[in-house]
Structure formats: structure tokens, C-alpha cells
C-alpha atoms as a PDB file:
ATOM      1  CA  MET A   1      96.939 230.082-223.415  1.00  0.00           C
ATOM      2  CA  PRO A   2     100.629 231.849-223.426  1.00  0.00           C
ATOM      3  CA  ILE A   3     103.007 234.029-222.018  1.00  0.00           C
ATOM      4  CA  LEU A   4     104.053 236.805-224.466  1.00  0.00           C
ATOM      5  CA  VAL A   5     106.164 239.885-222.604  1.00  0.00           C
ATOM      6  CA  ASP A   6     106.791 242.511-223.712  1.00  0.00           C
ATOM      7  CA  ALA A   7     110.619 241.964-223.241  1.00  0.00           C
ATOM      8  CA  ASP A   8     112.484 244.766-223.796  1.00  0.00           C
ATOM      9  CA  ALA A   9     112.242 246.911-220.883  1.00  0.00           C
ATOM     10  CA  CYS A  10     111.364 243.902-218.632  1.00  0.00           C
ATOM     11  CA  PRO A  11     114.227 243.188-215.798  1.00  0.00           C
ATOM     12  CA  LYS A  12     116.334 239.488-216.408  1.00  0.00           C
ATOM     13  CA  VAL A  13     115.140 238.447-212.972  1.00  0.00           C
ATOM     14  CA  ILE A  14     111.196 238.433-214.092  1.00  0.00           C
ATOM     15  CA  LYS A  15     112.849 236.853-217.400  1.00  0.00           C
ATOM     16  CA  GLU A  16     114.655 233.519-215.337  1.00  0.00           C
ATOM     17  CA  ILE A  17     111.133 233.297-213.509  1.00  0.00           C
ATOM     18  CA  LEU A  18     109.331 232.916-216.756  1.00  0.00           C
ATOM     19  CA  TYR A  19     111.768 230.601-218.234  1.00  0.00           C
ATOM     20  CA  ARG A  20     111.590 228.580-215.222  1.00  0.00           C
ATOM     21  CA  ALA A  21     107.633 228.583-215.496  1.00  0.00           C
ATOM     22  CA  ALA A  22     108.196 227.773-219.209  1.00  0.00           C
ATOM     23  CA  GLU A  23     109.758 224.235-218.721  1.00  0.00           C
ATOM     24  CA  ARG A  24     108.078 223.205-215.637  1.00  0.00           C
ATOM     25  CA  GLU A  25     104.549 224.114-216.813  1.00  0.00           C
ATOM     26  CA  LYS A  26     104.942 223.318-220.768  1.00  0.00           C
ATOM     27  CA  VAL A  27     103.765 226.914-221.348  1.00  0.00           C
ATOM     28  CA  GLN A  28     104.700 228.620-224.551  1.00  0.00           C
ATOM     29  CA  VAL A  29     106.610 231.716-223.377  1.00  0.00           C
ATOM     30  CA  ILE A  30     107.300 234.643-226.702  1.00  0.00           C
ATOM     31  CA  PHE A  31     109.352 237.129-225.765  1.00  0.00           C
ATOM     32  CA  VAL A  32     108.279 240.257-227.991  1.00  0.00           C
ATOM     33  CA  ALA A  33     111.336 242.488-228.617  1.00  0.00           C
ATOM     34  CA  ASN A  34     112.283 245.025-230.948  1.00  0.00           C
ATOM     35  CA  GLN A  35     116.439 244.191-230.284  1.00  0.00           C
ATOM     36  CA  PRO A  36     118.231 240.464-230.478  1.00  0.00           C
ATOM     37  CA  ILE A  37     117.493 239.147-227.143  1.00  0.00           C
ATOM     38  CA  ARG A  38     119.461 236.001-226.111  1.00  0.00           C
ATOM     39  CA  LEU A  39     117.589 233.358-224.589  1.00  0.00           C
ATOM     40  CA  PRO A  40     117.815 229.672-223.438  1.00  0.00           C
ATOM     41  CA  ILE A  41     116.956 226.966-225.550  1.00  0.00           C
ATOM     42  CA  SER A  42     113.651 225.498-225.436  1.00  0.00           C
ATOM     43  CA  ALA A  43     110.520 223.817-227.069  1.00  0.00           C
ATOM     44  CA  PHE A  44     108.982 226.451-224.968  1.00  0.00           C
ATOM     45  CA  ILE A  45     110.714 229.585-224.788  1.00  0.00           C
ATOM     46  CA  PHE A  46     110.710 232.004-228.146  1.00  0.00           C
ATOM     47  CA  ALA A  47     111.483 234.941-228.926  1.00  0.00           C
ATOM     48  CA  LEU A  48     109.631 237.443-231.608  1.00  0.00           C
ATOM     49  CA  HIS A  49     111.947 240.086-233.028  1.00  0.00           C
ATOM     50  CA  VAL A  50     110.030 243.092-234.563  1.00  0.00           C
ATOM     51  CA  ALA A  51     111.140 246.497-236.802  1.00  0.00           C
ATOM     52  CA  LYS A  52     112.410 249.284-233.970  1.00  0.00           C
ATOM     53  CA  GLY A  53     109.907 252.301-234.186  1.00  0.00           C
ATOM     54  CA  PHE A  54     107.395 253.975-231.389  1.00  0.00           C
ATOM     55  CA  ASP A  55     104.866 251.048-230.050  1.00  0.00           C
ATOM     56  CA  VAL A  56     106.069 248.186-232.886  1.00  0.00           C
ATOM     57  CA  ALA A  57     106.259 245.416-230.029  1.00  0.00           C
ATOM     58  CA  ASP A  58     102.938 246.608-228.584  1.00  0.00           C
ATOM     59  CA  ASN A  59     101.132 246.580-231.461  1.00  0.00           C
ATOM     60  CA  GLU A  60     102.475 242.930-232.306  1.00  0.00           C
ATOM     61  CA  ILE A  61     101.165 241.410-228.473  1.00  0.00           C
ATOM     62  CA  VAL A  62      97.816 243.583-228.943  1.00  0.00           C
ATOM     63  CA  LYS A  63      97.582 241.256-232.530  1.00  0.00           C
ATOM     64  CA  ARG A  64      97.950 238.355-231.239  1.00  0.00           C
ATOM     65  CA  VAL A  65      97.200 238.218-227.718  1.00  0.00           C
ATOM     66  CA  MET A  66      93.983 236.028-227.151  1.00  0.00           C
ATOM     67  CA  VAL A  67      91.329 236.022-224.362  1.00  0.00           C
ATOM     68  CA  GLY A  68      93.073 234.316-221.118  1.00  0.00           C
ATOM     69  CA  ASP A  69      96.520 234.688-222.325  1.00  0.00           C
ATOM     70  CA  LEU A  70      98.808 236.516-219.821  1.00  0.00           C
ATOM     71  CA  VAL A  71     100.712 239.090-220.920  1.00  0.00           C
ATOM     72  CA  VAL A  72     103.661 240.876-218.659  1.00  0.00           C
ATOM     73  CA  THR A  73     104.732 244.176-219.490  1.00  0.00           C
ATOM     74  CA  ALA A  74     105.311 247.602-217.076  1.00  0.00           C
ATOM     75  CA  ASP A  75     103.476 249.535-220.308  1.00  0.00           C
ATOM     76  CA  ILE A  76     100.378 250.834-219.008  1.00  0.00           C
ATOM     77  CA  PRO A  77      98.916 251.643-222.467  1.00  0.00           C
ATOM     78  CA  LEU A  78      99.268 248.133-223.531  1.00  0.00           C
ATOM     79  CA  ALA A  79      98.051 246.603-220.027  1.00  0.00           C
ATOM     80  CA  ALA A  80      94.909 248.785-220.739  1.00  0.00           C
ATOM     81  CA  GLU A  81      94.473 247.003-224.514  1.00  0.00           C
ATOM     82  CA  VAL A  82      95.147 243.499-223.135  1.00  0.00           C
ATOM     83  CA  ILE A  83      92.661 243.695-220.760  1.00  0.00           C
ATOM     84  CA  ALA A  84      90.436 245.433-223.097  1.00  0.00           C
ATOM     85  CA  LYS A  85      90.844 242.003-225.566  1.00  0.00           C
ATOM     86  CA  GLY A  86      90.179 239.455-222.163  1.00  0.00           C
ATOM     87  CA  ALA A  87      93.490 238.999-221.616  1.00  0.00           C
ATOM     88  CA  VAL A  88      95.497 239.082-218.087  1.00  0.00           C
ATOM     89  CA  ALA A  89      98.578 242.243-218.219  1.00  0.00           C
ATOM     90  CA  LEU A  90     100.667 241.452-214.998  1.00  0.00           C
ATOM     91  CA  ASN A  91     103.371 243.948-214.206  1.00  0.00           C
ATOM     92  CA  PRO A  92     107.364 242.478-213.436  1.00  0.00           C
ATOM     93  CA  ARG A  93     106.773 243.915-210.033  1.00  0.00           C
ATOM     94  CA  GLY A  94     103.672 241.582-209.625  1.00  0.00           C
ATOM     95  CA  GLU A  95     101.070 244.161-210.213  1.00  0.00           C
ATOM     96  CA  CYS A  96      97.988 242.123-211.848  1.00  0.00           C
ATOM     97  CA  TYR A  97      95.914 244.462-213.995  1.00  0.00           C
ATOM     98  CA  THR A  98      92.507 244.942-213.787  1.00  0.00           C
ATOM     99  CA  GLU A  99      89.804 247.032-215.471  1.00  0.00           C
ATOM    100  CA  VAL A 100      89.032 249.052-212.298  1.00  0.00           C
ATOM    101  CA  THR A 101      93.407 249.583-211.361  1.00  0.00           C
ATOM    102  CA  ILE A 102      94.116 250.446-215.005  1.00  0.00           C
ATOM    103  CA  ARG A 103      92.014 253.043-215.139  1.00  0.00           C
ATOM    104  CA  GLU A 104      93.126 254.444-212.379  1.00  0.00           C
ATOM    105  CA  ARG A 105      97.170 253.799-213.710  1.00  0.00           C
ATOM    106  CA  LEU A 106      96.191 255.762-217.331  1.00  0.00           C
ATOM    107  CA  ILE A 107      94.803 258.401-215.230  1.00  0.00           C
ATOM    108  CA  MET A 108      97.610 258.653-212.914  1.00  0.00           C
ATOM    109  CA  ARG A 109     100.206 258.163-215.882  1.00  0.00           C
ATOM    110  CA  ASP A 110      98.496 260.741-217.989  1.00  0.00           C
ATOM    111  CA  PHE A 111      98.747 263.628-214.632  1.00  0.00           C
ATOM    112  CA  MET A 112     102.352 262.429-214.437  1.00  0.00           C
ATOM    113  CA  GLU A 113     103.335 263.323-217.703  1.00  0.00           C
ATOM    114  CA  THR A 114     101.572 266.657-217.638  1.00  0.00           C
ATOM    115  CA  MET A 115     104.252 267.443-214.873  1.00  0.00           C
ATOM    116  CA  ARG A 116     106.589 266.525-216.539  1.00  0.00           C
ATOM    117  CA  SER A 117     106.159 268.713-219.556  1.00  0.00           C
ATOM    118  CA  SER A 118     104.966 271.075-218.032  1.00  0.00           C
ATOM    119  CA  GLY A 119     109.200 271.278-216.169  1.00  0.00           C
ATOM    120  CA  VAL A 120     107.944 269.194-212.594  1.00  0.00           C
ATOM    121  CA  GLN A 121     111.177 267.059-211.622  1.00  0.00           C
ATOM    122  CA  THR A 122     108.968 263.694-210.677  1.00  0.00           C
ATOM    123  CA  GLY A 123     111.779 261.015-209.914  1.00  0.00           C
ATOM    124  CA  GLY A 124     111.970 257.366-211.493  1.00  0.00           C
ATOM    125  CA  ALA A 125     110.200 254.633-210.791  1.00  0.00           C
ATOM    126  CA  ALA A 126     111.198 252.403-207.048  1.00  0.00           C
ATOM    127  CA  THR A 127     114.335 250.122-207.762  1.00  0.00           C
ATOM    128  CA  PHE A 128     112.848 246.478-208.071  1.00  0.00           C
ATOM    129  CA  SER A 129     112.644 244.382-204.698  1.00  0.00           C
ATOM    130  CA  GLN A 130     113.131 240.990-203.772  1.00  0.00           C
ATOM    131  CA  ARG A 131     109.521 241.930-202.728  1.00  0.00           C
ATOM    132  CA  ASP A 132     109.046 242.718-206.100  1.00  0.00           C
ATOM    133  CA  ARG A 133     109.864 239.799-207.643  1.00  0.00           C
ATOM    134  CA  GLN A 134     108.443 237.985-205.045  1.00  0.00           C
ATOM    135  CA  GLN A 135     104.988 239.223-205.876  1.00  0.00           C
ATOM    136  CA  PHE A 136     105.858 238.482-209.231  1.00  0.00           C
ATOM    137  CA  ALA A 137     106.236 234.844-209.054  1.00  0.00           C
ATOM    138  CA  ASN A 138     103.251 234.310-206.930  1.00  0.00           C
ATOM    139  CA  GLU A 139     100.987 236.351-209.753  1.00  0.00           C
ATOM    140  CA  LEU A 140     102.693 234.070-212.249  1.00  0.00           C
ATOM    141  CA  ASP A 141     101.212 231.068-209.795  1.00  0.00           C
ATOM    142  CA  LYS A 142      97.838 232.039-209.384  1.00  0.00           C
ATOM    143  CA  TRP A 143      97.573 232.696-213.700  1.00  0.00           C
ATOM    144  CA  LEU A 144      99.112 229.237-214.035  1.00  0.00           C
ATOM    145  CA  LEU A 145      96.818 227.760-211.810  1.00  0.00           C
ATOM    146  CA  HIS A 146      94.116 229.164-213.218  1.00  0.00           C
ATOM    147  CA  ARG A 147      95.511 227.504-216.677  1.00  0.00           C
ATOM    148  CA  ARG A 148      96.001 224.343-215.619  1.00  0.00           C
ATOM    149  CA  LYS A 149      91.692 224.299-214.321  1.00  0.00           C
ATOM    150  CA  ILE A 150      90.820 225.735-217.791  1.00  0.00           C
ATOM    151  CA  GLU A 151      92.899 222.863-219.689  1.00  0.00           C
ATOM    152  CA  THR A 152      91.458 219.911-217.583  1.00  0.00           C
ATOM    153  CA  ILE A 153      88.195 221.212-218.396  1.00  0.00           C
ATOM    154  CA  LEU A 154      88.696 221.002-222.302  1.00  0.00           C
END
């Protein structure tokens, strides 16, 4: 069960947490991006460079993801597709999406998009905080523990 990362918008601090987890847990982490990214040399860390274009990286992640895999993304439609395929979607701020929460997020995303298209200023995302980083690390650790349990059974 690898970790797939929607790398184009992933914060550097989250990438660093993933680098350490890959080495510590010996889990494959694949950073999918439409631009070249610098990664540490590792037997567990990989870059997958895809062509530029709308949703090209997202489509590649959906094509590769399997039941039980972890996908790190802040992209709500991508998270919804990942969950539909039986994988786990984790936001870089540490929110682990579920079927229920992803539906709520899709509705809110569509509403905010409608507001913006009608000229309403909606503001941007809050600044990435130490709490976000810790929440992400905690959720990642939960997934890694679950992964270890599954591998022990198999």
C-alpha cells in the first residue's frame, strides 16, 4: 500500500514529514506532479512527472490508486474519486476525508465557486499552522499503523 501525493500544491513541511515516514516505515511514497520536483535520494521515494494540463496529475493518481492506499491531497474532487475507489484521502492540514465529509466538502466547494463567479470576495485558505502539521503527522501515523497491521495479517 503506497502513499500517492498530489505534489504540485503540497506544502514543503508535509513533504518532509512524508520523506521521514517513507524511510522509517519503508513505505513507497510517490509524488505526482506536472513539474519537476526535487526529492531526496531514497529507495522508497519516487517522483512521477506527468504532462502539464488540467487534472492530468489527478487523473494519474486515480488511475494508480488501489483499495487501502493513501492519497495526500487538498483537491476535493480528487479526494472524492480516491474514496470511491476504496482508498484513504488525507488533506495536508490533517483532515482525513470520509464518504460523509467529502460530500459536505464538495457541496461547500461548489457553493463557494458559485459565490466567486458572481463576484463575491471569499478570501483564501488560512495560513498553514503548526497545529495543521501535527494533525497531519497524527493522521499519517494512524494510517501507517493500520498498514502495519494489514501486512502482519497477510
